[in-house]
Amino acid sequence: MTTIKNIAYTLLLAGIIPVAGGCNKFVDINTDPNNPTTAELSLLLPSTEVSMAANMYQLNSGTSTFMQHMVSSAALSRYQQAGNSFDDSWNGFYSQTLNDLETIIKTGTEEEQWGYVAIAKLEKAYLVSLMVDMWGDIPYSETQQGQENVSPAFEKGAEIYPKLLVMIDEAIADAGKVTANSLVPSTSDMIYGGLKTSWISMANSLKLKLHNQLRLVDPAASAAAIKALIADPSTLIGGTSNSNGADYTFKFGPNQNPNNRHPWHRSEYQGSKNFYMCQALIDLLFDNDDPRLRYYVIRQNATAGLNNSTNSNGYYGRNPGDGTAAPADLNRRSTFGIYPAGGLYDNAPINNLPVTNLFLTNTGATGTLKVVTVTDGTGAGIIPYITNAMVKFIRAEAALTLNTGDDARQAFRDGITAHLASVSAYASSNGGAIIPPASISSFADALLAKYDAADNAGKLALVMTQKYIADYGNGMEAYNDYRRTALPVLRTPLSPLNTFPLRLYYSETELTANTSLGGNTSQLQIAQQTTPVFWDK
């Protein structure tokens, strides 16, 4: 598979940012790495945004496999981890992203460049919270000290989370010191172009997400914090208009040479086709008349089916936990569609659609299927970190479980319409078809009818299932949700080799090199599979 180092390097070469910051796998531009200048902050900040996205490839693909969005590895599909399953992500986050973020925070504070400090703190809070969510206990306070401490101690996730919430508030205060509408020049920020209001909405939405993840630890505290945040919804992503304009996403580029495309597009359209689409997700969308199937998945053959059969509808994926060897099916298996990887939109007829379907239909389906190649799609995909749709589903979950006083029904509907509108807008900008607004509204109304007929447990199941579908492209978020709620109900793997992983395996490099861990690293690693993170009660 494409390595993280190559992804990061080609992103930089392609001109997403001018040059990279001072870190191990990027070109070191600093004449004095211990005393960067203001000008270098403008280069370091976008390099952290690139390195975080690039280093997330292995993590995102692996958790997406656990969560049956797709299959990146037969072993991970069978819940079997190894010491190198997520080592690129772990090593890259520490040696690149967090290293440079710490430089920005330290230097920006010294030079009173508060816009850079604010953004760096928010990016760090998001990334470190994600690492706690994935691995549980991680090095934190003693990291980024160079040769002064090459074996930083691991800290409990429960002790790190409160520090991150404080950091978010500090970032909001730092942003308040900037009187302009932009925290930094637009060219220095690949996410929001420096826009202060967008970063503030990201900060508050991150707090909402973290407090919701903590709801099983201290329900009263989570409820109080969430009530305070939703008291002024204009400060959250989505605002009061259900707009997707402030979604916290990383956007890849369309270039081929040098290459800065979405890594899933690189693998399947420009590489040797390493992935399968998970049959469980395909069936969930197909069986529920969900129009997003044509956007998530592109068929390469109109009649291919499970196990390389020739008498199906072309939606040929792989069941979770299937340990059999892959047949010669590279030109027949389904692959990533237009969203979120920047591939092709499937506009070909589907031969066995139910006549009762209203949304996933063959109306206007005049396209022809083909084996995808390097010239297909734009590759200008996205990683949706925190979106308006996610915020709305979080609000619905919190209302149903914490009695926050929010309108769970409206938040559920807003989450559905926000996500379909986002998929539609993205597709229309990348060579695909729009989903008509009337269809989006009708689709949401159909789900709302099911919501109204359900009891409280059924309502939560509907909310979490729709969030699971909307999380496509961000396996980490779906993995968090599932461990907290056990929803949606996943398909039973065919031949699992282990139990469902409650934490990720550590990097074997870390376990070997970090002397603070003592001599029990083998048992520590094995325990990761069955030890819940602190918020998973």
Protein backbone atom coordinates (compact mmCIF):
# COMPACT_ATOMS: atom_id res chain seq x y z
CA MET A 1 0.00 0.00 0.00
CA THR A 2 0.99 3.63 -0.45
CA THR A 3 3.14 4.71 2.46
CA ILE A 4 2.51 7.74 4.61
CA LYS A 5 5.95 9.10 3.85
CA ASN A 6 5.22 9.08 0.13
CA ILE A 7 1.79 10.65 0.57
CA ALA A 8 3.14 13.48 2.70
CA TYR A 9 6.10 14.07 0.43
CA THR A 10 4.08 14.21 -2.78
CA LEU A 11 1.51 16.50 -1.18
CA LEU A 12 4.30 18.93 -0.43
CA LEU A 13 5.89 18.60 -3.85
CA ALA A 14 2.55 19.24 -5.50
CA GLY A 15 2.46 22.73 -4.07
CA ILE A 16 -0.26 22.34 -1.48
CA ILE A 17 2.17 24.31 0.65
CA PRO A 18 5.35 26.00 -0.56
CA VAL A 19 7.78 23.94 1.54
CA ALA A 20 7.58 21.85 4.65
CA GLY A 21 8.34 22.56 8.28
CA GLY A 22 11.21 21.39 10.43
CA CYS A 23 10.45 17.74 11.11
CA ASN A 24 11.95 14.36 10.45
CA LYS A 25 10.18 13.37 7.23
CA PHE A 26 9.83 16.82 5.67
CA VAL A 27 12.42 19.20 4.27
CA ASP A 28 13.90 21.23 7.15
CA ILE A 29 13.66 24.91 6.23
CA ASN A 30 14.76 26.31 9.58
CA THR A 31 18.15 27.94 9.74
CA ASP A 32 17.88 27.74 13.51
CA PRO A 33 15.34 25.06 14.51
CA ASN A 34 15.24 26.34 18.11
CA ASN A 35 14.43 29.92 17.12
CA PRO A 36 12.10 30.09 14.10
CA THR A 37 11.05 33.46 12.74
CA THR A 38 7.57 34.88 12.15
CA ALA A 39 7.90 34.21 8.42
CA GLU A 40 8.52 30.53 9.14
CA LEU A 41 5.32 30.26 11.17
CA SER A 42 3.45 30.93 7.95
CA LEU A 43 5.09 27.84 6.48
CA LEU A 44 4.97 25.63 9.55
CA LEU A 45 1.23 25.97 10.12
CA PRO A 46 0.10 24.61 6.74
CA SER A 47 2.77 21.90 6.97
CA THR A 48 1.12 20.65 10.18
CA GLU A 49 -2.24 20.53 8.43
CA VAL A 50 -0.72 18.47 5.61
CA SER A 51 1.21 16.14 7.89
CA MET A 52 -1.81 15.45 10.10
CA ALA A 53 -3.90 14.45 7.08
CA ALA A 54 -1.09 12.43 5.50
CA ASN A 55 -0.24 10.59 8.69
CA MET A 56 -3.92 9.80 9.22
CA TYR A 57 -4.05 7.49 6.18
CA GLN A 58 -3.17 4.27 7.96
CA LEU A 59 -5.29 5.16 11.00
CA ASN A 60 -8.33 6.14 8.94
CA SER A 61 -8.14 3.08 6.71
CA GLY A 62 -7.71 0.68 9.62
CA THR A 63 -10.58 2.05 11.71
CA SER A 64 -12.77 2.22 8.59
CA THR A 65 -12.09 -1.50 8.24
CA PHE A 66 -13.06 -2.22 11.86
CA MET A 67 -16.23 -0.24 11.26
CA GLN A 68 -17.13 -2.03 8.01
CA HIS A 69 -16.96 1.04 5.79
CA MET A 70 -14.41 -0.76 3.63
CA VAL A 71 -11.68 -3.40 3.87
CA SER A 72 -8.07 -2.23 3.87
CA SER A 73 -6.57 -5.42 5.30
CA ALA A 74 -7.84 -8.98 5.68
CA ALA A 75 -6.18 -9.20 9.10
CA LEU A 76 -7.81 -6.02 10.41
CA SER A 77 -11.14 -7.10 8.96
CA ARG A 78 -10.76 -10.18 11.19
CA TYR A 79 -9.79 -7.96 14.16
CA GLN A 80 -6.16 -9.11 14.14
CA GLN A 81 -3.76 -6.24 14.88
CA ALA A 82 0.03 -6.15 14.69
CA GLY A 83 2.75 -3.80 15.91
CA ASN A 84 2.97 -2.17 12.48
CA SER A 85 -0.78 -1.86 11.86
CA PHE A 86 -0.81 1.80 12.91
CA ASP A 87 2.87 2.62 13.39
CA ASP A 88 3.10 5.08 10.48
CA SER A 89 0.32 7.17 11.99
CA TRP A 90 1.71 7.01 15.55
CA ASN A 91 5.29 7.79 14.51
CA GLY A 92 4.28 10.50 12.07
CA PHE A 93 2.01 12.31 14.52
CA TYR A 94 4.79 12.50 17.11
CA SER A 95 7.81 13.14 14.88
CA GLN A 96 6.09 15.53 12.48
CA THR A 97 2.74 17.06 13.34
CA LEU A 98 2.98 17.49 17.12
CA ASN A 99 6.61 18.52 16.89
CA ASP A 100 5.80 21.39 14.54
CA LEU A 101 2.65 22.37 16.44
CA GLU A 102 4.69 22.73 19.60
CA THR A 103 7.17 24.94 17.74
CA ILE A 104 4.33 27.18 16.53
CA ILE A 105 2.82 27.46 20.01
CA LYS A 106 6.15 28.22 21.69
CA THR A 107 7.46 30.66 19.10
CA GLY A 108 4.08 32.25 18.44
CA THR A 109 3.64 32.92 22.16
CA GLU A 110 7.09 34.49 22.41
CA GLU A 111 6.37 36.72 19.42
CA GLU A 112 2.72 37.34 20.38
CA GLN A 113 1.51 35.87 17.08
CA TRP A 114 -1.76 34.86 18.74
CA GLY A 115 -3.55 33.79 15.58
CA TYR A 116 -0.95 31.11 14.88
CA VAL A 117 -0.97 30.06 18.53
CA ALA A 118 -4.76 29.73 18.58
CA ILE A 119 -4.93 27.58 15.45
CA ALA A 120 -2.01 25.40 16.53
CA LYS A 121 -3.60 24.77 19.95
CA LEU A 122 -6.90 23.79 18.35
CA GLU A 123 -5.20 21.46 15.89
CA LYS A 124 -3.18 19.94 18.73
CA ALA A 125 -6.26 19.51 20.93
CA TYR A 126 -8.09 17.73 18.11
CA LEU A 127 -5.17 15.47 17.27
CA VAL A 128 -4.22 14.55 20.83
CA SER A 129 -7.85 13.84 21.74
CA LEU A 130 -8.03 11.58 18.71
CA MET A 131 -4.88 9.75 19.79
CA VAL A 132 -6.32 9.23 23.27
CA ASP A 133 -9.50 7.91 21.68
CA MET A 134 -7.53 5.47 19.54
CA TRP A 135 -4.76 4.28 21.87
CA GLY A 136 -5.92 5.20 25.39
CA ASP A 137 -2.76 6.02 27.36
CA ILE A 138 -0.18 7.97 25.35
CA PRO A 139 2.92 10.13 25.91
CA TYR A 140 1.79 13.73 26.30
CA SER A 141 3.34 16.17 28.80
CA GLU A 142 6.90 14.92 28.30
CA THR A 143 6.83 14.84 24.50
CA GLN A 144 8.41 17.33 22.07
CA GLN A 145 11.50 17.68 24.28
CA GLY A 146 13.99 16.35 21.73
CA GLN A 147 17.09 14.69 23.14
CA GLU A 148 16.24 15.93 26.63
CA ASN A 149 13.69 13.13 26.97
CA VAL A 150 13.69 10.37 24.36
CA SER A 151 11.46 8.09 26.48
CA PRO A 152 8.46 10.20 27.54
CA ALA A 153 6.16 8.62 30.09
CA PHE A 154 2.72 7.43 29.06
CA GLU A 155 -0.17 9.32 30.68
CA LYS A 156 -3.72 8.18 31.34
CA GLY A 157 -6.24 9.36 28.79
CA ALA A 158 -8.54 10.43 31.63
CA GLU A 159 -5.83 12.86 32.78
CA ILE A 160 -5.15 14.22 29.30
CA TYR A 161 -8.74 15.05 28.30
CA PRO A 162 -9.23 17.84 30.90
CA LYS A 163 -5.95 19.42 29.79
CA LEU A 164 -7.21 19.47 26.22
CA LEU A 165 -10.45 21.17 27.20
CA VAL A 166 -8.37 23.84 28.96
CA MET A 167 -6.23 24.17 25.83
CA ILE A 168 -9.32 24.77 23.69
CA ASP A 169 -10.43 27.58 25.99
CA GLU A 170 -6.91 29.03 25.88
CA ALA A 171 -7.05 28.95 22.08
CA ILE A 172 -10.38 30.80 22.06
CA ALA A 173 -8.85 33.43 24.35
CA ASP A 174 -5.77 33.69 22.11
CA ALA A 175 -8.00 34.17 19.08
CA GLY A 176 -9.77 36.95 20.98
CA LYS A 177 -6.51 38.88 21.12
CA VAL A 178 -6.61 39.21 17.32
CA THR A 179 -8.78 42.15 16.33
CA ALA A 180 -8.87 41.34 12.62
CA ASN A 181 -11.34 38.92 11.03
CA SER A 182 -8.45 36.67 10.02
CA LEU A 183 -6.22 34.97 12.57
CA VAL A 184 -3.45 34.44 10.00
CA PRO A 185 -2.99 35.23 6.29
CA SER A 186 -5.26 33.10 4.12
CA THR A 187 -2.25 31.45 2.47
CA SER A 188 -1.03 30.18 5.85
CA ASP A 189 -4.14 28.15 6.67
CA MET A 190 -5.34 25.40 4.35
CA ILE A 191 -8.46 24.64 6.38
CA TYR A 192 -10.29 27.95 6.84
CA GLY A 193 -8.04 30.49 5.15
CA GLY A 194 -7.42 32.03 8.57
CA LEU A 195 -11.07 33.03 9.17
CA LYS A 196 -11.50 33.61 12.90
CA THR A 197 -15.22 32.84 13.13
CA SER A 198 -14.70 29.44 11.50
CA TRP A 199 -11.94 28.49 13.93
CA ILE A 200 -14.11 29.58 16.87
CA SER A 201 -16.95 27.39 15.60
CA MET A 202 -14.48 24.52 15.24
CA ALA A 203 -13.29 25.07 18.82
CA ASN A 204 -16.79 24.98 20.27
CA SER A 205 -17.76 21.99 18.13
CA LEU A 206 -14.67 20.12 19.32
CA LYS A 207 -15.70 20.85 22.92
CA LEU A 208 -19.18 19.54 22.12
CA LYS A 209 -17.72 16.37 20.66
CA LEU A 210 -15.41 15.75 23.64
CA HIS A 211 -18.09 16.40 26.26
CA ASN A 212 -20.41 14.01 24.45
CA GLN A 213 -17.70 11.35 24.42
CA LEU A 214 -17.38 11.87 28.17
CA ARG A 215 -21.09 11.43 28.87
CA LEU A 216 -20.72 7.92 30.32
CA VAL A 217 -17.98 9.11 32.70
CA ASP A 218 -19.85 12.03 34.28
CA PRO A 219 -23.33 12.47 32.76
CA ALA A 220 -24.19 15.54 34.82
CA ALA A 221 -21.00 17.38 33.88
CA SER A 222 -21.40 16.49 30.21
CA ALA A 223 -25.02 17.61 30.21
CA ALA A 224 -24.15 20.95 31.80
CA ALA A 225 -21.30 21.60 29.37
CA ILE A 226 -23.38 20.65 26.33
CA LYS A 227 -26.30 22.81 27.48
CA ALA A 228 -23.94 25.77 27.70
CA LEU A 229 -22.62 25.14 24.18
CA ILE A 230 -26.03 24.71 22.53
CA ALA A 231 -27.38 27.81 24.27
CA ASP A 232 -25.82 29.78 21.40
CA PRO A 233 -25.82 27.45 18.38
CA SER A 234 -24.41 30.22 16.20
CA THR A 235 -21.02 29.48 17.75
CA LEU A 236 -21.03 25.87 16.50
CA ILE A 237 -20.24 24.48 13.05
CA GLY A 238 -23.50 24.76 11.11
CA GLY A 239 -24.64 27.81 13.03
CA THR A 240 -28.36 28.53 13.01
CA SER A 241 -28.79 28.03 9.24
CA ASN A 242 -27.60 24.40 9.01
CA SER A 243 -24.77 25.53 6.73
CA ASN A 244 -21.85 23.27 5.83
CA GLY A 245 -19.58 26.21 5.10
CA ALA A 246 -17.52 25.90 8.30
CA ASP A 247 -16.99 22.13 8.21
CA TYR A 248 -13.60 21.17 9.61
CA THR A 249 -12.22 19.12 6.72
CA PHE A 250 -8.92 18.59 4.97
CA LYS A 251 -9.10 19.01 1.20
CA PHE A 252 -6.70 17.13 -1.06
CA GLY A 253 -5.77 18.41 -4.52
CA PRO A 254 -6.36 17.22 -8.11
CA ASN A 255 -2.75 17.06 -9.29
CA GLN A 256 -1.28 13.86 -10.71
CA ASN A 257 2.32 14.82 -11.27
CA PRO A 258 3.46 15.48 -8.65
CA ASN A 259 0.64 13.77 -6.83
CA ASN A 260 -1.49 15.38 -4.11
CA ARG A 261 -4.68 13.36 -4.50
CA HIS A 262 -6.67 11.62 -1.80
CA PRO A 263 -4.76 8.49 -0.70
CA TRP A 264 -7.72 6.21 -1.41
CA HIS A 265 -7.84 7.56 -4.96
CA ARG A 266 -4.11 7.05 -5.27
CA SER A 267 -4.43 3.42 -4.24
CA GLU A 268 -7.45 2.43 -6.31
CA TYR A 269 -7.29 4.64 -9.39
CA GLN A 270 -3.54 5.08 -9.70
CA GLY A 271 -2.22 2.01 -7.88
CA SER A 272 -2.76 -1.72 -7.65
CA LYS A 273 -6.23 -1.64 -6.04
CA ASN A 274 -5.53 -2.69 -2.46
CA PHE A 275 -9.01 -2.16 -0.99
CA TYR A 276 -12.40 -3.78 -1.09
CA MET A 277 -15.64 -1.97 -0.37
CA CYS A 278 -17.30 -3.61 2.61
CA GLN A 279 -20.37 -5.56 1.56
CA ALA A 280 -22.07 -4.66 4.85
CA LEU A 281 -22.08 -0.93 4.04
CA ILE A 282 -23.09 -1.58 0.43
CA ASP A 283 -26.06 -3.66 1.58
CA LEU A 284 -27.05 -1.13 4.25
CA LEU A 285 -27.32 1.62 1.65
CA PHE A 286 -28.87 -0.56 -1.07
CA ASP A 287 -31.48 -2.12 1.22
CA ASN A 288 -32.52 1.26 2.64
CA ASP A 289 -33.02 3.10 -0.65
CA ASP A 290 -30.14 5.46 0.15
CA PRO A 291 -29.04 7.65 -2.77
CA ARG A 292 -25.55 8.01 -1.28
CA LEU A 293 -24.64 4.54 -2.59
CA ARG A 294 -23.99 5.95 -6.08
CA TYR A 295 -21.62 8.53 -4.52
CA TYR A 296 -19.79 6.26 -2.07
CA VAL A 297 -19.18 3.31 -4.41
CA ILE A 298 -18.40 2.99 -8.10
CA ARG A 299 -18.95 -0.36 -9.81
CA GLN A 300 -16.50 -1.55 -12.43
CA ASN A 301 -18.79 -4.25 -13.78
CA ALA A 302 -22.59 -4.34 -14.05
CA THR A 303 -23.13 -7.99 -13.06
CA ALA A 304 -20.27 -8.82 -10.70
CA GLY A 305 -21.23 -9.94 -7.21
CA LEU A 306 -19.94 -11.32 -3.95
CA ASN A 307 -17.06 -13.78 -4.31
CA ASN A 308 -16.60 -12.74 -7.95
CA SER A 309 -19.93 -14.10 -9.14
CA THR A 310 -21.29 -12.98 -12.53
CA ASN A 311 -25.01 -12.76 -11.82
CA SER A 312 -25.44 -9.84 -9.44
CA ASN A 313 -25.74 -6.06 -9.77
CA GLY A 314 -22.09 -4.99 -9.80
CA TYR A 315 -21.98 -4.03 -6.13
CA TYR A 316 -19.22 -6.50 -5.41
CA GLY A 317 -17.46 -5.97 -2.11
CA ARG A 318 -16.08 -8.21 0.59
CA ASN A 319 -17.78 -9.39 3.75
CA PRO A 320 -16.10 -8.45 7.03
CA GLY A 321 -13.90 -11.20 8.38
CA ASP A 322 -13.57 -13.01 5.07
CA GLY A 323 -10.21 -14.73 5.35
CA THR A 324 -10.15 -16.33 1.91
CA ALA A 325 -7.55 -15.29 -0.62
CA ALA A 326 -8.59 -12.54 -3.03
CA PRO A 327 -9.45 -13.92 -6.48
CA ALA A 328 -8.39 -12.31 -9.75
CA ASP A 329 -11.00 -9.57 -9.47
CA LEU A 330 -9.17 -6.24 -9.67
CA ASN A 331 -11.23 -5.19 -12.70
CA ARG A 332 -14.55 -6.39 -11.28
CA ARG A 333 -14.67 -5.39 -7.63
CA SER A 334 -16.39 -2.16 -6.62
CA THR A 335 -14.19 0.68 -5.45
CA PHE A 336 -14.28 4.17 -3.97
CA GLY A 337 -16.73 6.50 -5.67
CA ILE A 338 -16.80 10.25 -5.99
CA TYR A 339 -17.24 10.92 -2.24
CA PRO A 340 -15.00 11.35 -0.30
CA ALA A 341 -12.04 10.12 -2.36
CA GLY A 342 -12.61 12.13 -5.53
CA GLY A 343 -13.32 9.11 -7.71
CA LEU A 344 -16.15 8.53 -10.17
CA TYR A 345 -19.89 8.99 -9.72
CA ASP A 346 -21.84 5.83 -10.59
CA ASN A 347 -24.44 6.92 -13.14
CA ALA A 348 -25.03 3.52 -14.74
CA PRO A 349 -28.27 1.52 -14.45
CA ILE A 350 -28.58 -0.93 -11.55
CA ASN A 351 -30.25 -4.10 -12.77
CA ASN A 352 -32.18 -5.21 -9.67
CA LEU A 353 -33.43 -2.10 -7.92
CA PRO A 354 -36.75 -2.57 -6.09
CA VAL A 355 -39.60 -0.92 -7.99
CA THR A 356 -40.68 0.69 -4.72
CA ASN A 357 -37.48 2.73 -4.44
CA LEU A 358 -37.90 6.48 -4.36
CA PHE A 359 -34.33 7.74 -3.94
CA LEU A 360 -31.89 5.11 -5.21
CA THR A 361 -33.37 4.74 -8.67
CA ASN A 362 -32.36 4.46 -12.32
CA THR A 363 -33.92 7.77 -13.26
CA GLY A 364 -31.36 9.58 -15.41
CA ALA A 365 -28.88 6.71 -15.08
CA THR A 366 -27.45 6.75 -18.58
CA GLY A 367 -23.79 6.09 -17.82
CA THR A 368 -21.62 3.12 -18.68
CA LEU A 369 -19.39 1.29 -16.22
CA LYS A 370 -15.67 0.91 -16.82
CA VAL A 371 -12.50 -0.23 -15.11
CA VAL A 372 -11.22 2.85 -13.32
CA THR A 373 -7.87 4.31 -14.34
CA VAL A 374 -5.50 7.10 -13.36
CA THR A 375 -7.38 9.64 -15.46
CA ASP A 376 -10.76 8.99 -13.80
CA GLY A 377 -12.08 11.32 -11.12
CA THR A 378 -10.36 14.37 -9.74
CA GLY A 379 -8.75 12.80 -6.66
CA ALA A 380 -9.49 16.08 -4.87
CA GLY A 381 -11.10 14.26 -1.97
CA ILE A 382 -11.59 15.22 1.65
CA ILE A 383 -11.21 13.91 5.19
CA PRO A 384 -14.24 15.12 7.17
CA TYR A 385 -12.88 15.74 10.68
CA ILE A 386 -15.84 17.56 12.29
CA THR A 387 -18.77 18.53 10.11
CA ASN A 388 -22.11 20.25 10.51
CA ALA A 389 -23.82 16.87 10.08
CA MET A 390 -21.70 15.34 12.84
CA VAL A 391 -22.50 18.25 15.16
CA LYS A 392 -26.23 17.80 14.57
CA PHE A 393 -26.08 14.06 15.24
CA ILE A 394 -24.04 14.68 18.40
CA ARG A 395 -26.69 17.12 19.57
CA ALA A 396 -29.41 14.55 18.86
CA GLU A 397 -27.52 11.84 20.75
CA ALA A 398 -26.92 14.11 23.73
CA ALA A 399 -30.56 15.19 23.81
CA LEU A 400 -31.74 11.57 23.84
CA THR A 401 -29.24 10.34 26.44
CA LEU A 402 -28.54 13.37 28.65
CA ASN A 403 -31.81 15.30 28.47
CA THR A 404 -30.03 18.47 27.38
CA GLY A 405 -33.28 20.12 26.33
CA ASP A 406 -32.19 20.19 22.70
CA ASP A 407 -34.67 19.22 19.98
CA ALA A 408 -33.38 15.74 19.12
CA ARG A 409 -35.92 15.28 16.32
CA GLN A 410 -34.92 18.50 14.56
CA ALA A 411 -31.22 17.82 15.08
CA PHE A 412 -31.69 14.35 13.56
CA ARG A 413 -33.39 15.81 10.50
CA ASP A 414 -30.83 18.60 10.19
CA GLY A 415 -27.99 16.07 10.33
CA ILE A 416 -29.48 14.05 7.49
CA THR A 417 -30.14 17.04 5.25
CA ALA A 418 -26.75 18.57 6.05
CA HIS A 419 -24.88 15.45 5.02
CA LEU A 420 -26.79 14.79 1.82
CA ALA A 421 -26.38 18.46 0.88
CA SER A 422 -22.64 18.18 1.54
CA VAL A 423 -22.29 15.06 -0.62
CA SER A 424 -24.34 16.70 -3.37
CA ALA A 425 -22.32 19.93 -3.33
CA TYR A 426 -19.04 18.06 -3.34
CA ALA A 427 -20.15 15.85 -6.23
CA SER A 428 -21.35 18.75 -8.34
CA SER A 429 -17.89 20.33 -8.01
CA ASN A 430 -16.09 17.13 -8.98
CA GLY A 431 -17.94 15.82 -12.00
CA GLY A 432 -20.92 14.14 -10.35
CA ALA A 433 -24.65 14.71 -10.18
CA ILE A 434 -26.44 16.73 -7.54
CA ILE A 435 -29.05 15.28 -5.23
CA PRO A 436 -32.09 17.50 -5.82
CA PRO A 437 -33.04 19.50 -2.72
CA ALA A 438 -36.58 18.11 -2.93
CA SER A 439 -35.18 14.57 -2.81
CA ILE A 440 -33.01 15.43 0.18
CA SER A 441 -36.02 16.81 2.01
CA SER A 442 -38.20 13.80 1.13
CA PHE A 443 -35.47 11.36 2.15
CA ALA A 444 -35.14 13.09 5.52
CA ASP A 445 -38.93 13.04 5.97
CA ALA A 446 -39.01 9.30 5.33
CA LEU A 447 -36.41 8.72 8.03
CA LEU A 448 -38.24 11.11 10.32
CA ALA A 449 -41.37 8.99 10.02
CA LYS A 450 -39.37 5.99 11.27
CA TYR A 451 -37.97 8.15 14.06
CA ASP A 452 -41.45 9.24 15.17
CA ALA A 453 -42.63 5.63 15.29
CA ALA A 454 -39.67 4.40 17.35
CA ASP A 455 -39.20 4.19 21.11
CA ASN A 456 -36.22 5.97 22.72
CA ALA A 457 -33.83 3.10 22.01
CA GLY A 458 -35.01 2.97 18.41
CA LYS A 459 -34.60 6.72 18.05
CA LEU A 460 -30.99 6.51 19.26
CA ALA A 461 -30.34 3.61 16.88
CA LEU A 462 -31.62 5.69 13.96
CA VAL A 463 -29.49 8.67 14.98
CA MET A 464 -26.32 6.62 15.34
CA THR A 465 -26.93 4.70 12.10
CA GLN A 466 -27.30 7.91 10.15
CA LYS A 467 -24.20 9.33 11.82
CA TYR A 468 -22.35 6.12 10.92
CA ILE A 469 -23.30 6.61 7.27
CA ALA A 470 -22.33 10.28 7.43
CA ASP A 471 -18.99 9.36 9.05
CA TYR A 472 -17.90 7.61 5.83
CA GLY A 473 -14.40 8.91 5.13
CA ASN A 474 -13.63 9.24 8.85
CA GLY A 475 -13.33 5.78 10.36
CA MET A 476 -12.02 7.20 13.65
CA GLU A 477 -15.30 8.98 14.40
CA ALA A 478 -17.36 5.89 13.63
CA TYR A 479 -15.02 3.79 15.80
CA ASN A 480 -15.51 6.20 18.70
CA ASP A 481 -19.28 6.18 18.33
CA TYR A 482 -19.51 2.41 18.17
CA ARG A 483 -17.46 1.82 21.30
CA ARG A 484 -19.59 4.37 23.18
CA THR A 485 -23.03 3.24 21.94
CA ALA A 486 -22.61 -0.23 20.37
CA LEU A 487 -24.42 1.27 17.37
CA PRO A 488 -25.05 0.63 14.60
CA VAL A 489 -25.28 -3.14 14.79
CA LEU A 490 -22.35 -4.39 12.73
CA ARG A 491 -22.34 -7.51 10.56
CA THR A 492 -20.81 -10.52 12.31
CA PRO A 493 -17.38 -11.22 10.78
CA LEU A 494 -17.15 -14.51 8.91
CA SER A 495 -14.01 -15.84 10.59
CA PRO A 496 -12.65 -13.43 13.21
CA LEU A 497 -9.20 -14.07 14.66
CA ASN A 498 -9.77 -11.94 17.77
CA THR A 499 -12.39 -9.94 19.64
CA PHE A 500 -13.44 -6.48 18.47
CA PRO A 501 -10.50 -4.18 19.33
CA LEU A 502 -11.26 -1.68 22.07
CA ARG A 503 -7.94 0.13 21.56
CA LEU A 504 -5.37 0.16 18.80
CA TYR A 505 -1.99 -1.54 18.99
CA TYR A 506 0.93 0.74 19.74
CA SER A 507 3.75 1.27 17.31
CA GLU A 508 6.29 -1.50 17.80
CA THR A 509 9.01 1.11 17.37
CA GLU A 510 7.64 3.01 20.38
CA LEU A 511 7.45 -0.10 22.54
CA THR A 512 11.02 -1.04 21.65
CA ALA A 513 12.60 2.39 22.07
CA ASN A 514 10.68 3.87 25.02
CA THR A 515 12.48 2.70 28.16
CA SER A 516 9.87 4.27 30.46
CA LEU A 517 7.59 1.30 29.73
CA GLY A 518 9.79 -1.23 31.47
CA GLY A 519 9.90 -4.84 30.38
CA ASN A 520 6.22 -5.69 30.00
CA THR A 521 5.63 -4.24 26.55
CA SER A 522 4.39 -7.52 25.07
CA GLN A 523 1.60 -7.82 27.62
CA LEU A 524 0.88 -4.10 27.30
CA GLN A 525 0.37 -4.55 23.58
CA ILE A 526 -1.90 -7.57 23.92
CA ALA A 527 -4.02 -5.78 26.53
CA GLN A 528 -4.80 -3.03 24.04
CA GLN A 529 -7.26 -5.34 22.25
CA THR A 530 -9.53 -5.80 25.25
CA THR A 531 -8.97 -2.71 27.43
CA PRO A 532 -11.60 0.02 26.98
CA VAL A 533 -10.55 3.65 26.71
CA PHE A 534 -11.50 5.58 29.83
CA TRP A 535 -14.75 7.02 28.41
CA ASP A 536 -15.99 3.62 27.19
CA LYS A 537 -18.01 2.42 30.18
